[in-house]
Protein backbone atom coordinates (compact mmCIF):
# COMPACT_ATOMS: atom_id res chain seq x y z
CA UNK A 1 -82.23 60.27 15.32
CA UNK A 2 -79.74 61.08 18.06
CA UNK A 3 -81.65 58.93 20.55
CA UNK A 4 -81.69 56.09 18.06
CA UNK A 5 -77.95 56.30 17.51
CA UNK A 6 -77.19 56.46 21.24
CA UNK A 7 -79.39 53.46 21.95
CA UNK A 8 -77.90 51.44 19.13
CA UNK A 9 -74.35 52.42 20.07
CA UNK A 10 -74.99 50.96 23.52
CA UNK A 11 -76.27 47.77 21.92
CA UNK A 12 -73.11 47.63 19.84
CA UNK A 13 -70.97 48.01 22.93
CA UNK A 14 -69.41 51.25 21.72
CA UNK A 15 -68.71 54.53 23.49
CA UNK A 16 -68.18 58.02 22.15
CA UNK A 17 -64.46 57.63 22.68
CA UNK A 18 -64.25 54.74 20.21
CA UNK A 19 -65.83 56.53 17.25
CA UNK A 20 -63.22 57.12 14.49
CA UNK A 21 -62.73 60.63 13.13
CA UNK A 22 -64.11 59.53 9.75
CA UNK A 23 -67.51 58.99 11.34
CA UNK A 24 -68.14 62.73 11.35
CA UNK A 25 -67.70 63.23 7.60
CA UNK A 26 -71.34 62.45 6.76
CA UNK A 27 -70.40 61.35 3.22
CA UNK A 28 -72.07 57.96 3.44
CA UNK A 29 -72.73 55.96 0.29
CA UNK A 30 -76.21 54.47 -0.02
CA UNK A 31 -76.01 51.97 -2.87
CA UNK A 32 -78.60 49.59 -4.30
CA UNK A 33 -78.38 47.08 -7.12
CA UNK A 34 -81.04 47.17 -9.84
CA UNK A 35 -81.35 43.90 -11.77
CA UNK A 36 -81.94 44.24 -15.51
CA UNK A 37 -84.06 41.05 -15.65
CA UNK A 38 -86.46 42.38 -13.00
CA UNK A 39 -88.59 43.92 -15.75
CA UNK A 40 -89.77 40.43 -16.72
CA UNK A 41 -91.36 38.09 -14.16
CA UNK A 42 -90.75 40.38 -11.22
CA UNK A 43 -92.42 43.29 -13.01
CA UNK A 44 -90.03 45.72 -11.29
CA UNK A 45 -89.02 48.74 -13.33
CA UNK A 46 -86.71 51.73 -13.03
CA UNK A 47 -89.82 53.80 -12.34
CA UNK A 48 -90.50 51.75 -9.20
CA UNK A 49 -87.32 53.09 -7.60
CA UNK A 50 -88.83 56.53 -7.94
CA UNK A 51 -92.42 55.82 -6.90
CA UNK A 52 -91.32 53.89 -3.78
CA UNK A 53 -89.18 56.83 -2.70
CA UNK A 54 -85.98 54.76 -2.85
CA UNK A 55 -84.27 56.82 -5.57
CA UNK A 56 -84.41 59.97 -3.44
CA UNK A 57 -82.63 58.12 -0.62
CA UNK A 58 -79.83 56.55 -2.68
CA UNK A 59 -76.48 57.95 -3.76
CA UNK A 60 -75.72 55.15 -6.25
CA UNK A 61 -77.59 52.60 -8.34
CA UNK A 62 -75.52 49.65 -9.59
CA UNK A 63 -77.07 48.28 -12.78
CA UNK A 64 -76.58 44.50 -12.91
CA UNK A 65 -75.07 43.08 -15.03
CA UNK A 66 -72.79 43.59 -18.00
CA UNK A 67 -70.83 40.45 -18.93
CA UNK A 68 -67.25 39.71 -19.98
CA UNK A 69 -67.14 37.47 -23.06
CA UNK A 70 -64.87 34.66 -24.21
CA UNK A 71 -63.15 37.08 -26.61
CA UNK A 72 -62.14 39.26 -23.67
CA UNK A 73 -64.47 42.20 -24.17
CA UNK A 74 -67.52 43.66 -22.45
CA UNK A 75 -70.98 42.95 -23.81
CA UNK A 76 -74.60 43.34 -22.80
CA UNK A 77 -76.14 40.28 -21.18
CA UNK A 78 -79.62 41.36 -22.34
CA UNK A 79 -79.82 44.04 -25.05
CA UNK A 80 -83.63 43.78 -25.11
CA UNK A 81 -83.96 44.78 -21.47
CA UNK A 82 -81.04 47.22 -21.64
CA UNK A 83 -81.93 49.38 -24.64
CA UNK A 84 -84.29 47.69 -27.12
CA UNK A 85 -87.54 47.11 -25.19
CA UNK A 86 -90.12 49.86 -25.80
CA UNK A 87 -91.26 51.05 -22.37
CA UNK A 88 -94.97 51.91 -22.10
CA UNK A 89 -96.15 55.07 -20.38
CA UNK A 90 -97.26 53.29 -17.18
CA UNK A 91 -93.74 51.91 -16.69
CA UNK A 92 -91.90 55.09 -17.60
CA UNK A 93 -90.25 57.37 -15.03
CA UNK A 94 -91.82 60.50 -16.55
CA UNK A 95 -95.03 58.83 -17.72
CA UNK A 96 -94.06 59.17 -21.38
CA UNK A 97 -93.95 56.02 -23.52
CA UNK A 98 -91.04 55.22 -25.82
CA UNK A 99 -91.81 56.33 -29.36
CA UNK A 100 -91.31 54.03 -32.37
CA UNK A 101 -87.89 54.60 -33.89
CA UNK A 102 -86.40 56.59 -31.02
CA UNK A 103 -82.65 56.19 -30.51
CA UNK A 104 -82.67 54.54 -27.10
CA UNK A 105 -85.32 52.48 -25.29
CA UNK A 106 -85.34 50.06 -22.38
CA UNK A 107 -83.81 50.34 -18.94
CA UNK A 108 -80.98 52.61 -20.04
CA UNK A 109 -83.34 55.31 -21.29
CA UNK A 110 -85.30 55.01 -18.04
CA UNK A 111 -82.10 55.39 -16.02
CA UNK A 112 -81.40 58.56 -17.99
CA UNK A 113 -84.85 59.86 -17.02
CA UNK A 114 -84.33 58.83 -13.39
CA UNK A 115 -81.06 60.77 -13.23
CA UNK A 116 -82.75 63.81 -14.73
CA UNK A 117 -85.29 63.68 -11.90
CA UNK A 118 -82.61 62.98 -9.25
CA UNK A 119 -79.52 64.88 -10.44
CA UNK A 120 -77.32 63.78 -7.52
CA UNK A 121 -77.89 60.08 -8.17
CA UNK A 122 -74.96 58.19 -9.70
CA UNK A 123 -75.48 55.10 -11.85
CA UNK A 124 -72.73 52.50 -12.30
CA UNK A 125 -72.64 49.52 -14.64
CA UNK A 126 -71.76 46.35 -12.73
CA UNK A 127 -69.62 43.87 -14.66
CA UNK A 128 -69.70 40.14 -14.01
CA UNK A 129 -71.86 38.83 -11.21
CA UNK A 130 -72.32 35.15 -10.43
CA UNK A 131 -73.23 34.17 -14.00
CA UNK A 132 -71.09 36.66 -15.93
CA UNK A 133 -67.60 36.13 -14.48
CA UNK A 134 -66.54 32.97 -16.34
CA UNK A 135 -63.99 34.64 -18.63
CA UNK A 136 -62.65 37.40 -16.40
CA UNK A 137 -59.44 35.44 -15.73
CA UNK A 138 -58.70 35.07 -19.46
CA UNK A 139 -59.56 38.69 -20.15
CA UNK A 140 -57.05 40.11 -17.64
CA UNK A 141 -54.22 37.63 -18.28
CA UNK A 142 -51.86 39.94 -20.18
CA UNK A 143 -51.21 43.67 -20.44
CA UNK A 144 -52.68 43.64 -23.93
CA UNK A 145 -55.82 41.77 -22.91
CA UNK A 146 -56.32 44.03 -19.88
CA UNK A 147 -56.13 47.11 -22.08
CA UNK A 148 -58.55 45.59 -24.60
CA UNK A 149 -61.09 44.69 -21.91
CA UNK A 150 -60.90 48.12 -20.28
CA UNK A 151 -61.25 49.87 -23.64
CA UNK A 152 -64.28 47.79 -24.61
CA UNK A 153 -65.99 48.49 -21.26
CA UNK A 154 -65.38 52.22 -21.48
CA UNK A 155 -66.53 52.34 -25.12
CA UNK A 156 -69.69 50.30 -24.57
CA UNK A 157 -70.93 51.63 -21.24
CA UNK A 158 -69.29 55.01 -20.68
CA UNK A 159 -69.12 56.36 -24.22
CA UNK A 160 -72.44 54.64 -24.90
CA UNK A 161 -71.47 53.04 -28.20
CA UNK A 162 -74.14 50.35 -28.22
CA UNK A 163 -74.35 47.77 -31.04
CA UNK A 164 -76.82 48.73 -33.74
CA UNK A 165 -77.19 52.34 -32.56
CA UNK A 166 -75.47 55.60 -33.45
CA UNK A 167 -72.17 56.18 -31.60
CA UNK A 168 -72.79 57.73 -28.20
CA UNK A 169 -76.49 56.81 -28.09
CA UNK A 170 -76.14 55.88 -24.40
CA UNK A 171 -73.50 58.45 -23.44
CA UNK A 172 -73.88 60.03 -20.02
CA UNK A 173 -76.04 57.32 -18.47
CA UNK A 174 -73.30 55.64 -16.48
CA UNK A 175 -71.08 57.55 -14.08
CA UNK A 176 -68.64 54.72 -13.59
CA UNK A 177 -67.96 51.00 -13.49
CA UNK A 178 -68.45 48.49 -10.69
CA UNK A 179 -66.37 45.29 -10.92
CA UNK A 180 -68.23 42.18 -9.76
CA UNK A 181 -65.77 39.42 -10.60
CA UNK A 182 -66.90 36.41 -8.54
CA UNK A 183 -64.14 35.38 -7.73
CA UNK A 184 -60.48 35.98 -8.65
CA UNK A 185 -58.35 33.00 -7.63
CA UNK A 186 -61.19 30.97 -6.10
CA UNK A 187 -64.39 29.18 -7.06
CA UNK A 188 -67.57 30.90 -8.12
CA UNK A 189 -70.12 29.59 -10.60
CA UNK A 190 -69.36 26.18 -12.10
CA UNK A 191 -67.17 26.49 -15.19
CA UNK A 192 -65.45 29.74 -14.24
CA UNK A 193 -61.83 30.06 -15.35
CA UNK A 194 -59.60 30.33 -12.25
CA UNK A 195 -55.86 30.91 -12.01
CA UNK A 196 -53.49 31.55 -9.07
CA UNK A 197 -52.29 34.68 -10.87
CA UNK A 198 -55.81 36.15 -10.83
CA UNK A 199 -54.92 37.98 -7.63
CA UNK A 200 -52.13 40.00 -9.20
CA UNK A 201 -53.92 40.39 -12.53
CA UNK A 202 -57.00 41.81 -10.81
CA UNK A 203 -54.85 44.58 -9.34
CA UNK A 204 -53.26 45.27 -12.71
CA UNK A 205 -56.65 45.38 -14.42
CA UNK A 206 -58.05 47.77 -11.82
CA UNK A 207 -55.09 50.07 -12.51
CA UNK A 208 -55.61 49.84 -16.27
CA UNK A 209 -59.33 50.47 -16.00
CA UNK A 210 -58.77 53.41 -13.64
CA UNK A 211 -56.32 54.91 -16.12
CA UNK A 212 -58.72 54.59 -19.06
CA UNK A 213 -61.63 55.92 -17.01
CA UNK A 214 -59.53 58.90 -15.96
CA UNK A 215 -58.70 59.59 -19.61
CA UNK A 216 -62.42 59.46 -20.40
CA UNK A 217 -63.54 61.67 -17.50
CA UNK A 218 -61.90 62.88 -14.32
CA UNK A 219 -65.17 62.32 -12.45
CA UNK A 220 -65.73 58.70 -13.56
CA UNK A 221 -66.00 56.36 -10.58
CA UNK A 222 -64.56 52.88 -10.11
CA UNK A 223 -65.85 50.47 -7.45
CA UNK A 224 -65.80 46.73 -6.81
CA UNK A 225 -67.85 44.07 -5.04
CA UNK A 226 -65.67 42.01 -2.69
CA UNK A 227 -66.25 38.71 -0.84
CA UNK A 228 -66.74 38.02 2.85
CA UNK A 229 -64.80 34.77 3.32
CA UNK A 230 -61.20 35.22 4.51
CA UNK A 231 -59.97 32.53 2.14
CA UNK A 232 -61.49 34.25 -0.89
CA UNK A 233 -60.08 37.62 0.17
CA UNK A 234 -56.55 36.25 0.44
CA UNK A 235 -56.80 34.15 -2.73
CA UNK A 236 -57.96 36.96 -4.96
CA UNK A 237 -57.23 40.47 -3.70
CA UNK A 238 -54.18 42.59 -2.95
CA UNK A 239 -56.39 44.63 -0.67
CA UNK A 240 -54.24 47.70 -0.06
CA UNK A 241 -53.23 48.08 -3.71
CA UNK A 242 -56.75 47.54 -5.03
CA UNK A 243 -58.29 50.08 -2.68
CA UNK A 244 -55.77 52.69 -3.83
CA UNK A 245 -57.52 52.66 -7.22
CA UNK A 246 -61.14 52.39 -6.05
CA UNK A 247 -63.53 55.15 -5.02
CA UNK A 248 -65.03 52.58 -2.66
CA UNK A 249 -65.81 48.86 -2.48
CA UNK A 250 -69.05 47.13 -1.55
CA UNK A 251 -68.36 44.16 0.72
CA UNK A 252 -70.50 41.04 0.88
CA UNK A 253 -72.50 41.09 4.11
CA UNK A 254 -74.90 38.26 3.29
CA UNK A 255 -74.94 34.59 2.26
CA UNK A 256 -72.65 34.01 5.24
CA UNK A 257 -74.67 30.84 5.77
CA UNK A 258 -77.25 29.58 3.31
CA UNK A 259 -79.68 26.95 2.18
CA UNK A 260 -76.96 25.07 0.26
CA UNK A 261 -75.86 23.88 3.72
CA UNK A 262 -77.57 21.14 5.75
CA UNK A 263 -77.89 23.19 8.94
CA UNK A 264 -79.75 26.46 9.59
CA UNK A 265 -77.86 29.61 10.44
CA UNK A 266 -77.61 33.38 10.11
CA UNK A 267 -77.00 34.58 6.58
CA UNK A 268 -76.27 38.23 7.42
CA UNK A 269 -75.42 38.49 11.13
CA UNK A 270 -73.61 41.64 12.21
CA UNK A 271 -71.55 39.98 14.96
CA UNK A 272 -70.24 36.45 15.40
CA UNK A 273 -72.69 33.98 16.92
CA UNK A 274 -71.06 31.99 19.73
CA UNK A 275 -73.71 29.30 19.25
CA UNK A 276 -72.56 28.66 15.69
CA UNK A 277 -71.27 25.06 15.58
CA UNK A 278 -69.46 25.51 12.26
CA UNK A 279 -65.65 25.42 12.31
CA UNK A 280 -65.52 28.87 10.68
CA UNK A 281 -67.84 31.51 12.09
CA UNK A 282 -68.72 34.39 9.79
CA UNK A 283 -70.08 37.85 10.54
CA UNK A 284 -70.16 41.30 8.99
CA UNK A 285 -67.91 42.58 11.76
CA UNK A 286 -65.34 39.86 11.12
CA UNK A 287 -65.32 40.70 7.42
CA UNK A 288 -64.79 44.39 8.20
CA UNK A 289 -61.89 43.54 10.51
CA UNK A 290 -60.38 41.29 7.83
CA UNK A 291 -60.35 44.11 5.28
CA UNK A 292 -59.07 46.73 7.73
CA UNK A 293 -56.21 44.47 8.84
CA UNK A 294 -55.19 44.05 5.18
CA UNK A 295 -55.00 47.77 4.52
CA UNK A 296 -58.45 48.83 3.36
CA UNK A 297 -59.33 52.42 4.36
CA UNK A 298 -62.42 52.24 6.55
CA UNK A 299 -64.14 55.13 4.75
CA UNK A 300 -64.02 53.13 1.50
CA UNK A 301 -65.72 50.05 2.97
CA UNK A 302 -69.41 49.98 2.01
CA UNK A 303 -71.23 47.14 3.74
CA UNK A 304 -73.61 44.92 1.80
CA UNK A 305 -77.01 44.15 3.32
CA UNK A 306 -79.64 41.75 1.94
CA UNK A 307 -83.21 42.53 0.95
CA UNK A 308 -83.91 38.80 0.89
CA UNK A 309 -83.70 35.79 3.19
CA UNK A 310 -82.09 32.36 3.15
CA UNK A 311 -84.47 29.55 4.08
CA UNK A 312 -84.48 25.87 5.02
CA UNK A 313 -87.30 23.33 5.28
CA UNK A 314 -87.63 20.14 7.31
CA UNK A 315 -86.26 21.82 10.43
CA UNK A 316 -87.97 19.78 13.12
CA UNK A 317 -85.63 19.99 16.08
CA UNK A 318 -87.84 22.41 18.01
CA UNK A 319 -86.76 25.39 20.08
CA UNK A 320 -85.97 28.45 18.01
CA UNK A 321 -84.77 26.38 15.04
CA UNK A 322 -81.31 27.93 14.97
CA UNK A 323 -78.32 25.75 13.99
CA UNK A 324 -80.51 22.67 13.56
CA UNK A 325 -80.34 20.08 10.76
CA UNK A 326 -82.59 20.72 7.76
CA UNK A 327 -83.95 18.56 4.96
CA UNK A 328 -83.12 21.10 2.25
CA UNK A 329 -83.85 24.58 0.87
CA UNK A 330 -87.29 26.01 1.67
CA UNK A 331 -89.60 26.72 -1.28
CA UNK A 332 -89.25 30.29 -2.54
CA UNK A 333 -91.20 32.36 -5.03
CA UNK A 334 -88.27 32.84 -7.41
CA UNK A 335 -85.79 30.18 -6.31
CA UNK A 336 -85.56 27.45 -3.70
CA UNK A 337 -83.94 28.68 -0.51
CA UNK A 338 -84.41 32.41 -1.08
CA UNK A 339 -87.31 34.81 -0.60
CA UNK A 340 -87.71 38.57 -0.92
CA UNK A 341 -88.09 40.69 2.19
CA UNK A 342 -91.43 41.99 0.92
CA UNK A 343 -92.74 38.41 0.90
CA UNK A 344 -91.05 37.25 4.09
CA UNK A 345 -92.51 40.07 6.16
CA UNK A 346 -95.99 38.61 5.69
CA UNK A 347 -95.09 34.97 6.36
CA UNK A 348 -96.60 33.33 9.45
CA UNK A 349 -94.42 31.92 12.21
CA UNK A 350 -92.55 33.10 15.27
CA UNK A 351 -89.82 35.71 14.87
CA UNK A 352 -86.69 35.70 16.97
CA UNK A 353 -84.31 38.62 17.34
CA UNK A 354 -80.79 38.54 18.79
CA UNK A 355 -79.36 42.03 19.38
CA UNK A 356 -75.99 40.56 20.34
CA UNK A 357 -75.49 39.17 16.85
CA UNK A 358 -77.67 41.69 15.00
CA UNK A 359 -79.83 38.98 13.52
CA UNK A 360 -83.46 38.04 12.94
CA UNK A 361 -85.06 34.76 11.96
CA UNK A 362 -88.48 33.24 11.40
CA UNK A 363 -89.33 29.68 12.44
CA UNK A 364 -92.69 27.92 12.17
CA UNK A 365 -91.65 24.46 13.34
CA UNK A 366 -90.69 23.36 9.84
CA UNK A 367 -89.36 26.29 7.80
CA UNK A 368 -86.54 28.52 9.02
CA UNK A 369 -85.80 31.88 7.38
CA UNK A 370 -82.86 34.17 8.16
CA UNK A 371 -83.35 37.72 6.90
CA UNK A 372 -83.00 41.43 7.73
CA UNK A 373 -85.81 43.84 8.58
CA UNK A 374 -85.76 47.61 9.25
CA UNK A 375 -84.72 47.06 12.88
CA UNK A 376 -81.66 44.94 12.02
CA UNK A 377 -80.70 47.46 9.34
CA UNK A 378 -80.91 50.30 11.85
CA UNK A 379 -78.43 48.39 13.98
CA UNK A 380 -76.14 47.79 11.00
CA UNK A 381 -76.39 51.42 9.91
CA UNK A 382 -75.42 52.54 13.41
CA UNK A 383 -72.44 50.18 13.27
CA UNK A 384 -71.40 51.67 9.92
CA UNK A 385 -71.71 55.21 11.22
CA UNK A 386 -69.98 54.58 14.53
CA UNK A 387 -67.12 52.64 12.91
CA UNK A 388 -66.56 55.39 10.34
CA UNK A 389 -67.24 53.09 7.40
CA UNK A 390 -68.25 54.24 3.94
CA UNK A 391 -71.93 53.35 3.86
CA UNK A 392 -74.31 50.55 2.92
CA UNK A 393 -75.19 48.62 -0.23
CA UNK A 394 -78.38 46.62 -0.79
CA UNK A 395 -78.89 43.56 -2.97
CA UNK A 396 -81.32 44.15 -4.51
CA UNK A 397 -83.76 47.05 -4.60
CA UNK A 398 -86.62 45.07 -6.20
CA UNK A 399 -86.78 42.87 -3.07
CA UNK A 400 -87.60 45.79 -0.77
CA UNK A 401 -91.31 46.55 -0.30
CA UNK A 402 -93.25 49.21 -2.20
CA UNK A 403 -92.67 51.69 0.65
CA UNK A 404 -88.90 51.17 0.53
CA UNK A 405 -88.90 50.19 4.20
CA UNK A 406 -85.38 48.73 4.19
CA UNK A 407 -83.95 51.60 2.19
CA UNK A 408 -85.61 54.06 4.57
CA UNK A 409 -84.13 52.37 7.64
CA UNK A 410 -80.61 52.82 6.26
CA UNK A 411 -81.31 56.37 5.17
CA UNK A 412 -82.48 57.39 8.66
CA UNK A 413 -78.99 56.76 10.03
CA UNK A 414 -76.73 57.20 6.98
CA UNK A 415 -78.04 60.48 5.64
């Protein structure tokens, strides 16, 4: 491992004298999102985190997503997946099927079993996401509404008072709450409520939620998922004040460029690409510097990495395909323009790697895919360690392969 870190530190242009003191703490967070809907078409279950070996290498699982409703309270986006679906033995963490009439079924019961097998693993409920953030702005508009939202989230997910079940049926499953409001003060999904005062109200809600979590349990954790773009940071987050209340924050390190654009590019590059013709050049390193300059403690910055790629089709300009015009998003198994790592790794075409930007891409003369592999994640993990940052977060664990190759690459450096 030492040789790997030395080699990667040289690639990153760092020396021993530039390593912050925090880099020696060893308390790195290794976070992965688990998507509740993965149990359907993707056929990915809580058990798969265990059988792949990923669960043993993670410190946190963020369960995505709980939603915020029009009435300003938390609710389950999918009760069937969360606690109603009977899980058969072959999909169960301990090999035991859910019994008819038992108090709790579904993913939540499997998360309880997973934690029993991996006692150090923390599980957080993530609130919002791209499709569940529409009413966040309304819900945090006043002191009264902020208190109501926080109380409903703590009651539902922390106390485990699920609709239709006995009070406390899901108690002890979640160790905290992860806020995924996308985005305060700026655009997210179409139809989201947005206000200029979202920025201040987000801070006030974080304080209220922290207070209610502390009353519930001194050990309850509070985290947030934060954007990469400078404009979204400044429109929606009082960075220093928010970080005072958070245990840590996961920072978007992907979708920096994507198939919604008409030109190919890196979607998760570590460093800025000087070839990038766009007026604004994004990178993970730039995002880190943006947060640090606004008062974020480096040991609370957990860097997001993708387990999927962004892809374009109709890229016919030749060469390596980078920064060339495209006809549109490339076909993907689950959605146009995106593909899981486990599927991309087997795709034909020539692969290009740029150590200066920490990026990898695949180009076959027509389709262009930007994605991360174990080698790029080793480089990012070394960057995290050498910069004294808080760790790494992966979206999402179902997109890794069945040997947890991406998770393993991060674990090798951030253990």
